Amino acid sequence: MTLQGLLFAVVAIPLTLLILTVLVVVHEFGHFLTARLAGIRVLEFGIGFPPKAKVIGHDHGTEYTLNYLPIGGFVRLEGEDTDSDDPRAFTNASLSRQLVVMVAGVTMNLLTAVLLFFIVACVFSPGQAIKFGQVSPGSAAARAGLVGGEIVESVNGQRFGFMTSTGLVDAIAADAGKTVTIGYIDLQGNHESVVVTLGTDKSKGILGIAGPLEADGTTGPLVSVVTFTQSDPVTAMETAIDNTRTALGLVFAGLGQLGSSIVNHPTSAPAGIQGPVGITRDVGLVLTDYGPPVVILLAAILSANLALINILPFPPLDGGKVVVLVVKRIFGARGVSAVEAAAYVVGMACLLTFIAWISYFDIIRGGAP
């Protein structure tokens, strides 16, 4: 096994399982808390999925369990999947209480995404930066006194995070011919800035920096690195809300691409869409390339992803259950019908099939080293 493969097995897989389990348990805690507040009986709150490993406690009729499959968690409500005469059963609750319980999981994931984005922005605030190895003679960089080995991290005071649509290189190119302030980190690690007038000939380099000189005498590529700063709480919260909105937009766009891919190219790998294997690969790569702060950023994106996915009107997702509840109430249906139960079973089978389908493409694309 290669070193990369060992990292994947020993670090990336457990870390991904931990992240997904925490995010799913947070989601289920939303259902649990609102069900309790709504007077609906919670039979079980499980961490992981059965078979059951251990009962860790009881409280107000709820059994808390640890289960052998470390892939999330679940909340089992009285009367959610079968009829029940218990007045505290989910099926006997008012529609408003049922809907609040159903959307609580999505709400918790959205709040978690905002919280994680806030922590990253407030404590770490990672940004894209460029480490260069050479400076072209007579270029803007040379006139500014930049030297090889330094790191460019901002343009006109603006840093570019992982959630921004424009990158640092693109921003420099867009300011060709203009006078700008370049923020950089010198060889001693000090954060400095310099005013430069950028060039206009892109073939010679707008700023005039290049990658390191390779052993064969050729110029290597510029090196992408991550720099970290801290933001004040107000700015961090603004960034967190913007990043959550951006993450939701990316997920929504990805769903559209996925639908088009399934309809038009079902035997081809969907562009930009990954399953569990691909996510695990990304967690491992982010951890080794950028460190824990960017892993937290990835967890925030995954939390927003879970929120949007779960609100889709497809059984057995929360959005699908909401639709079923509303339709039942419109037609005056009570209890849990055989058709409703069958819809949940078929929906789960479709979800598992989809996960297997996307995981196949993850693997053939090199998702698992």
Protein backbone atom coordinates (compact mmCIF):
# COMPACT_ATOMS: atom_id res chain seq x y z
CA MET A 1 0.00 0.00 0.00
CA THR A 2 1.28 3.47 -0.90
CA LEU A 3 1.76 6.21 1.72
CA GLN A 4 -1.25 8.03 0.24
CA GLY A 5 -3.32 4.85 0.48
CA LEU A 6 -2.26 4.35 4.10
CA LEU A 7 -3.26 7.93 4.91
CA PHE A 8 -6.63 7.33 3.24
CA ALA A 9 -7.27 4.20 5.32
CA VAL A 10 -5.92 5.33 8.68
CA VAL A 11 -6.80 9.03 8.74
CA ALA A 12 -9.21 10.08 6.01
CA ILE A 13 -11.82 7.34 6.49
CA PRO A 14 -12.16 7.69 10.30
CA LEU A 15 -12.11 11.50 10.06
CA THR A 16 -14.83 11.52 7.37
CA LEU A 17 -16.97 9.12 9.39
CA LEU A 18 -16.53 11.35 12.45
CA ILE A 19 -17.52 14.49 10.53
CA LEU A 20 -20.58 12.91 8.93
CA THR A 21 -21.66 11.24 12.17
CA VAL A 22 -21.47 14.53 14.09
CA LEU A 23 -23.41 16.39 11.38
CA VAL A 24 -26.11 13.72 11.21
CA VAL A 25 -26.39 13.49 15.01
CA VAL A 26 -26.78 17.29 15.14
CA HIS A 27 -29.53 16.95 12.51
CA GLU A 28 -31.28 14.25 14.52
CA PHE A 29 -30.92 16.26 17.71
CA GLY A 30 -33.06 18.91 16.05
CA HIS A 31 -35.82 16.34 15.54
CA PHE A 32 -35.34 15.04 19.09
CA LEU A 33 -35.46 18.44 20.78
CA THR A 34 -38.50 19.76 18.93
CA ALA A 35 -40.35 16.46 19.37
CA ARG A 36 -39.77 16.66 23.12
CA LEU A 37 -40.93 20.29 23.20
CA ALA A 38 -44.00 19.37 21.12
CA GLY A 39 -44.97 16.60 23.53
CA ILE A 40 -44.24 13.81 21.02
CA ARG A 41 -42.77 10.64 22.49
CA VAL A 42 -39.23 9.80 21.39
CA LEU A 43 -38.64 6.05 21.60
CA GLU A 44 -34.93 6.02 20.74
CA PHE A 45 -32.03 8.35 20.01
CA GLY A 46 -29.30 6.31 18.38
CA ILE A 47 -25.73 7.21 17.48
CA GLY A 48 -24.70 5.07 14.51
CA PHE A 49 -27.04 2.57 12.90
CA PRO A 50 -28.10 -0.89 14.09
CA PRO A 51 -27.22 -3.51 15.08
CA LYS A 52 -27.31 -2.11 18.57
CA ALA A 53 -24.02 -2.18 20.47
CA LYS A 54 -24.97 -0.70 23.82
CA VAL A 55 -27.79 1.05 25.65
CA ILE A 56 -26.20 4.07 27.33
CA GLY A 57 -29.22 5.36 29.19
CA HIS A 58 -32.94 6.08 29.50
CA ASP A 59 -34.78 9.36 30.00
CA HIS A 60 -38.51 10.15 29.92
CA GLY A 61 -39.26 7.03 27.91
CA THR A 62 -36.38 7.52 25.48
CA GLU A 63 -33.66 4.90 25.04
CA TYR A 64 -30.21 6.22 24.12
CA THR A 65 -28.10 3.77 22.17
CA LEU A 66 -24.72 3.29 20.54
CA ASN A 67 -24.82 1.22 17.37
CA TYR A 68 -22.21 -0.69 15.43
CA LEU A 69 -22.41 1.11 12.06
CA PRO A 70 -20.68 4.51 12.53
CA ILE A 71 -22.52 6.30 9.75
CA GLY A 72 -24.67 8.88 11.46
CA GLY A 73 -27.57 8.51 13.84
CA PHE A 74 -31.34 8.41 14.05
CA VAL A 75 -34.36 9.36 16.13
CA ARG A 76 -37.29 6.95 16.39
CA LEU A 77 -40.61 8.60 17.21
CA GLU A 78 -43.74 6.90 18.47
CA GLY A 79 -46.19 6.60 15.58
CA GLU A 80 -43.87 7.99 12.90
CA ASP A 81 -43.82 4.86 10.72
CA THR A 82 -46.76 2.85 12.10
CA ASP A 83 -50.17 3.61 13.58
CA SER A 84 -50.32 4.21 17.32
CA ASP A 85 -53.06 4.90 19.86
CA ASP A 86 -50.62 6.76 22.11
CA PRO A 87 -51.82 10.39 22.39
CA ARG A 88 -48.14 11.41 22.29
CA ALA A 89 -47.59 9.65 18.97
CA PHE A 90 -46.24 11.65 16.04
CA THR A 91 -49.13 10.61 13.82
CA ASN A 92 -51.60 12.00 16.39
CA ALA A 93 -49.89 15.39 16.70
CA SER A 94 -51.22 18.49 14.94
CA LEU A 95 -49.87 19.27 11.47
CA SER A 96 -48.02 22.34 12.74
CA ARG A 97 -46.17 20.32 15.38
CA GLN A 98 -45.35 17.60 12.85
CA LEU A 99 -43.92 20.12 10.39
CA VAL A 100 -41.82 21.84 13.04
CA VAL A 101 -40.30 18.49 14.02
CA MET A 102 -39.60 17.58 10.38
CA VAL A 103 -37.83 20.81 9.45
CA ALA A 104 -35.87 21.04 12.71
CA GLY A 105 -33.11 18.77 11.40
CA VAL A 106 -32.54 20.94 8.34
CA THR A 107 -32.55 24.05 10.54
CA MET A 108 -29.91 22.53 12.82
CA ASN A 109 -27.65 21.76 9.86
CA LEU A 110 -28.00 25.31 8.56
CA LEU A 111 -27.16 26.75 11.97
CA THR A 112 -24.20 24.36 12.23
CA ALA A 113 -22.92 25.50 8.84
CA VAL A 114 -23.13 29.14 9.92
CA LEU A 115 -21.41 28.34 13.25
CA LEU A 116 -18.55 26.44 11.60
CA PHE A 117 -18.06 29.14 8.96
CA PHE A 118 -18.05 31.70 11.79
CA ILE A 119 -15.40 29.80 13.76
CA VAL A 120 -13.21 29.51 10.69
CA ALA A 121 -13.59 33.18 9.77
CA CYS A 122 -13.13 34.41 13.33
CA VAL A 123 -10.22 32.20 14.41
CA PHE A 124 -8.47 31.02 11.24
CA SER A 125 -9.84 32.89 8.21
CA PRO A 126 -7.97 30.90 5.54
CA GLY A 127 -7.24 32.60 2.24
CA GLN A 128 -5.77 31.68 -1.13
CA ALA A 129 -2.21 32.83 -1.66
CA ILE A 130 0.59 32.37 -4.22
CA LYS A 131 4.17 31.47 -3.45
CA PHE A 132 6.52 32.39 -6.28
CA GLY A 133 10.11 31.43 -6.94
CA GLN A 134 11.28 33.99 -9.49
CA VAL A 135 10.74 37.65 -10.41
CA SER A 136 11.00 38.78 -14.04
CA PRO A 137 13.57 41.60 -14.57
CA GLY A 138 11.93 44.98 -15.18
CA SER A 139 8.48 43.71 -14.14
CA ALA A 140 6.07 45.31 -11.68
CA ALA A 141 7.20 42.82 -9.03
CA ALA A 142 10.86 43.70 -9.63
CA ARG A 143 10.14 47.43 -9.34
CA ALA A 144 8.30 46.77 -6.09
CA GLY A 145 11.27 44.89 -4.66
CA LEU A 146 9.59 41.50 -4.41
CA VAL A 147 11.95 38.52 -4.34
CA GLY A 148 11.60 34.83 -5.00
CA GLY A 149 10.24 32.77 -2.11
CA GLU A 150 7.78 35.42 -0.93
CA ILE A 151 4.00 34.95 -0.91
CA VAL A 152 1.35 37.20 -2.49
CA GLU A 153 -1.84 37.08 -0.42
CA SER A 154 -4.04 40.09 -1.27
CA VAL A 155 -4.92 42.76 -3.85
CA ASN A 156 -6.05 46.18 -2.62
CA GLY A 157 -6.53 44.72 0.85
CA GLN A 158 -8.84 41.97 -0.39
CA ARG A 159 -8.03 38.38 0.47
CA PHE A 160 -9.67 35.52 -1.41
CA GLY A 161 -11.13 32.70 0.63
CA PHE A 162 -12.06 29.22 -0.51
CA MET A 163 -15.71 30.21 -0.93
CA THR A 164 -15.12 33.19 -3.23
CA SER A 165 -15.87 32.83 -6.93
CA THR A 166 -12.83 34.90 -7.98
CA GLY A 167 -9.30 33.73 -7.28
CA LEU A 168 -6.21 35.76 -6.50
CA VAL A 169 -4.64 35.16 -9.92
CA ASP A 170 -7.84 36.21 -11.69
CA ALA A 171 -8.06 39.35 -9.57
CA ILE A 172 -4.52 40.38 -10.48
CA ALA A 173 -5.22 39.74 -14.17
CA ALA A 174 -8.41 41.83 -14.00
CA ASP A 175 -6.38 44.82 -12.75
CA ALA A 176 -3.89 44.77 -15.64
CA GLY A 177 -2.40 48.24 -16.17
CA LYS A 178 -3.81 49.60 -12.91
CA THR A 179 -2.01 50.77 -9.80
CA VAL A 180 -2.85 48.41 -6.95
CA THR A 181 -1.69 47.54 -3.46
CA ILE A 182 -0.22 44.05 -3.25
CA GLY A 183 -0.17 42.37 0.16
CA TYR A 184 2.59 39.84 0.62
CA ILE A 185 4.53 37.82 3.20
CA ASP A 186 8.27 38.39 3.06
CA LEU A 187 11.00 35.82 3.65
CA GLN A 188 10.97 36.55 7.39
CA GLY A 189 7.24 35.86 7.64
CA ASN A 190 6.20 39.50 8.02
CA HIS A 191 2.97 40.72 6.42
CA GLU A 192 3.85 43.67 4.18
CA SER A 193 2.24 45.67 1.36
CA VAL A 194 3.53 47.61 -1.61
CA VAL A 195 1.92 49.83 -4.27
CA VAL A 196 2.68 48.69 -7.82
CA THR A 197 1.51 49.50 -11.34
CA LEU A 198 0.72 46.21 -13.03
CA GLY A 199 1.80 45.43 -16.56
CA THR A 200 -0.55 44.95 -19.48
CA ASP A 201 1.14 42.18 -21.46
CA LYS A 202 -0.27 38.95 -20.06
CA SER A 203 2.23 36.88 -22.02
CA LYS A 204 5.03 38.47 -19.97
CA GLY A 205 3.11 38.38 -16.71
CA ILE A 206 0.90 41.12 -15.27
CA LEU A 207 2.80 41.18 -11.99
CA GLY A 208 5.93 39.48 -13.25
CA ILE A 209 6.25 36.53 -10.88
CA ALA A 210 6.91 32.92 -11.83
CA GLY A 211 7.32 29.54 -10.23
CA PRO A 212 10.62 28.15 -8.97
CA LEU A 213 13.41 27.12 -11.33
CA GLU A 214 13.32 23.36 -11.83
CA ALA A 215 16.35 21.09 -11.92
CA ASP A 216 16.13 20.82 -15.71
CA GLY A 217 16.28 24.62 -16.08
CA THR A 218 12.57 25.10 -16.78
CA THR A 219 10.23 27.29 -14.78
CA GLY A 220 7.85 25.44 -12.52
CA PRO A 221 4.26 26.52 -11.76
CA LEU A 222 3.30 29.03 -9.11
CA VAL A 223 2.59 27.29 -5.81
CA SER A 224 -0.87 27.69 -4.25
CA VAL A 225 -0.67 28.02 -0.47
CA VAL A 226 -3.04 28.98 2.33
CA THR A 227 -2.49 31.90 4.69
CA PHE A 228 -4.42 32.49 7.89
CA THR A 229 -5.60 35.66 9.61
CA GLN A 230 -8.28 36.52 12.17
CA SER A 231 -11.48 38.50 11.70
CA ASP A 232 -13.51 40.46 14.24
CA PRO A 233 -16.80 38.78 15.28
CA VAL A 234 -19.04 41.07 13.21
CA THR A 235 -17.02 40.57 10.03
CA ALA A 236 -16.75 36.85 10.79
CA MET A 237 -20.54 36.53 11.11
CA GLU A 238 -21.07 38.40 7.83
CA THR A 239 -18.56 36.07 6.18
CA ALA A 240 -20.25 33.03 7.72
CA ILE A 241 -23.68 34.00 6.40
CA ASP A 242 -22.26 34.79 2.95
CA ASN A 243 -20.36 31.50 2.87
CA THR A 244 -23.45 29.53 3.91
CA ARG A 245 -25.43 31.22 1.15
CA THR A 246 -22.66 30.45 -1.35
CA ALA A 247 -22.46 26.81 -0.22
CA LEU A 248 -26.22 26.38 -0.66
CA GLY A 249 -25.98 27.92 -4.12
CA LEU A 250 -23.20 25.52 -5.09
CA VAL A 251 -25.18 22.54 -3.85
CA PHE A 252 -28.32 23.71 -5.67
CA ALA A 253 -26.37 24.17 -8.91
CA GLY A 254 -24.78 20.77 -8.42
CA LEU A 255 -28.21 19.15 -8.09
CA GLY A 256 -29.22 20.65 -11.41
CA GLN A 257 -26.07 19.31 -13.06
CA LEU A 258 -26.68 15.93 -11.45
CA GLY A 259 -30.23 15.72 -12.77
CA SER A 260 -29.04 16.61 -16.27
CA SER A 261 -26.25 14.04 -16.05
CA ILE A 262 -28.59 11.24 -14.92
CA VAL A 263 -31.03 11.95 -17.75
CA ASN A 264 -28.57 12.62 -20.55
CA HIS A 265 -25.40 10.72 -19.59
CA PRO A 266 -26.29 8.01 -17.04
CA THR A 267 -23.17 5.97 -17.81
CA SER A 268 -20.77 8.91 -17.38
CA ALA A 269 -19.35 10.36 -14.19
CA PRO A 270 -21.36 13.46 -13.16
CA ALA A 271 -19.11 16.51 -13.20
CA GLY A 272 -18.50 18.12 -9.82
CA ILE A 273 -20.61 15.59 -7.89
CA GLN A 274 -19.08 13.18 -5.39
CA GLY A 275 -20.28 10.41 -3.12
CA PRO A 276 -18.88 9.11 0.16
CA VAL A 277 -15.65 7.85 -1.41
CA GLY A 278 -14.93 11.16 -3.13
CA ILE A 279 -15.74 13.12 0.02
CA THR A 280 -13.36 10.91 2.00
CA ARG A 281 -10.62 11.53 -0.54
CA ASP A 282 -11.15 15.29 -0.32
CA VAL A 283 -11.03 15.23 3.49
CA GLY A 284 -7.68 13.43 3.35
CA LEU A 285 -6.24 15.78 0.75
CA VAL A 286 -7.48 18.91 2.53
CA LEU A 287 -6.02 17.69 5.82
CA THR A 288 -2.58 16.99 4.35
CA ASP A 289 -2.42 20.04 2.05
CA TYR A 290 -4.04 22.73 4.19
CA GLY A 291 -4.49 21.44 7.74
CA PRO A 292 -7.39 21.19 10.23
CA PRO A 293 -8.82 24.73 9.73
CA VAL A 294 -9.79 23.97 6.14
CA VAL A 295 -11.21 20.59 7.22
CA ILE A 296 -13.60 22.58 9.45
CA LEU A 297 -14.46 24.68 6.40
CA LEU A 298 -15.22 21.48 4.46
CA ALA A 299 -17.40 20.27 7.34
CA ALA A 300 -19.38 23.52 7.14
CA ILE A 301 -19.95 22.96 3.42
CA LEU A 302 -21.08 19.38 4.11
CA SER A 303 -23.50 20.63 6.77
CA ALA A 304 -25.08 23.06 4.29
CA ASN A 305 -25.16 20.20 1.79
CA LEU A 306 -27.06 17.96 4.22
CA ALA A 307 -29.56 20.74 4.92
CA LEU A 308 -30.43 21.30 1.28
CA ILE A 309 -30.46 17.61 0.36
CA ASN A 310 -32.76 16.73 3.27
CA ILE A 311 -35.35 19.36 2.36
CA LEU A 312 -35.85 17.90 -1.12
CA PRO A 313 -39.44 16.63 -1.62
CA PHE A 314 -38.40 13.00 -1.97
CA PRO A 315 -39.33 10.24 0.52
CA PRO A 316 -37.79 9.30 2.91
CA LEU A 317 -35.98 12.66 3.15
CA ASP A 318 -37.45 15.26 5.49
CA GLY A 319 -38.80 17.30 2.58
CA GLY A 320 -40.58 14.22 1.22
CA LYS A 321 -42.12 13.55 4.62
CA VAL A 322 -43.32 17.14 4.80
CA VAL A 323 -45.08 16.75 1.45
CA VAL A 324 -46.70 13.50 2.58
CA LEU A 325 -47.90 15.10 5.81
CA VAL A 326 -49.46 18.05 3.98
CA VAL A 327 -51.14 15.86 1.34
CA LYS A 328 -52.54 13.55 4.03
CA ARG A 329 -53.98 16.48 5.91
CA ILE A 330 -55.55 17.94 2.73
CA PHE A 331 -57.36 14.67 2.04
CA GLY A 332 -58.18 14.03 5.69
CA ALA A 333 -56.07 10.86 5.91
CA ARG A 334 -54.99 9.66 9.35
CA GLY A 335 -52.41 7.16 10.49
CA VAL A 336 -49.69 5.55 8.37
CA SER A 337 -51.03 3.81 5.27
CA ALA A 338 -49.40 0.89 3.48
CA VAL A 339 -48.83 3.15 0.44
CA GLU A 340 -46.97 5.68 2.59
CA ALA A 341 -44.80 2.98 4.17
CA ALA A 342 -44.06 1.50 0.74
CA ALA A 343 -43.09 4.94 -0.60
CA TYR A 344 -40.51 5.30 2.15
CA VAL A 345 -39.07 1.84 1.42
CA VAL A 346 -38.87 2.52 -2.32
CA GLY A 347 -37.36 5.95 -1.69
CA MET A 348 -34.68 4.47 0.55
CA ALA A 349 -33.89 1.83 -2.08
CA CYS A 350 -33.49 4.59 -4.69
CA LEU A 351 -31.17 6.56 -2.38
CA LEU A 352 -28.99 3.52 -1.71
CA THR A 353 -28.85 2.80 -5.45
CA PHE A 354 -27.82 6.38 -6.13
CA ILE A 355 -25.08 6.20 -3.48
CA ALA A 356 -23.76 3.01 -5.06
CA TRP A 357 -23.89 4.62 -8.53
CA ILE A 358 -22.01 7.77 -7.51
CA SER A 359 -19.51 5.76 -5.42
CA TYR A 360 -18.67 3.68 -8.50
CA PHE A 361 -17.67 6.84 -10.35
CA ASP A 362 -15.76 8.07 -7.29
CA ILE A 363 -13.65 4.91 -7.43
CA ILE A 364 -12.98 4.88 -11.16
CA ARG A 365 -12.05 8.59 -10.96
CA GLY A 366 -9.47 7.71 -8.37
CA GLY A 367 -11.49 8.47 -5.26
CA ALA A 368 -9.74 5.81 -3.19
CA PRO A 369 -5.95 5.62 -3.42
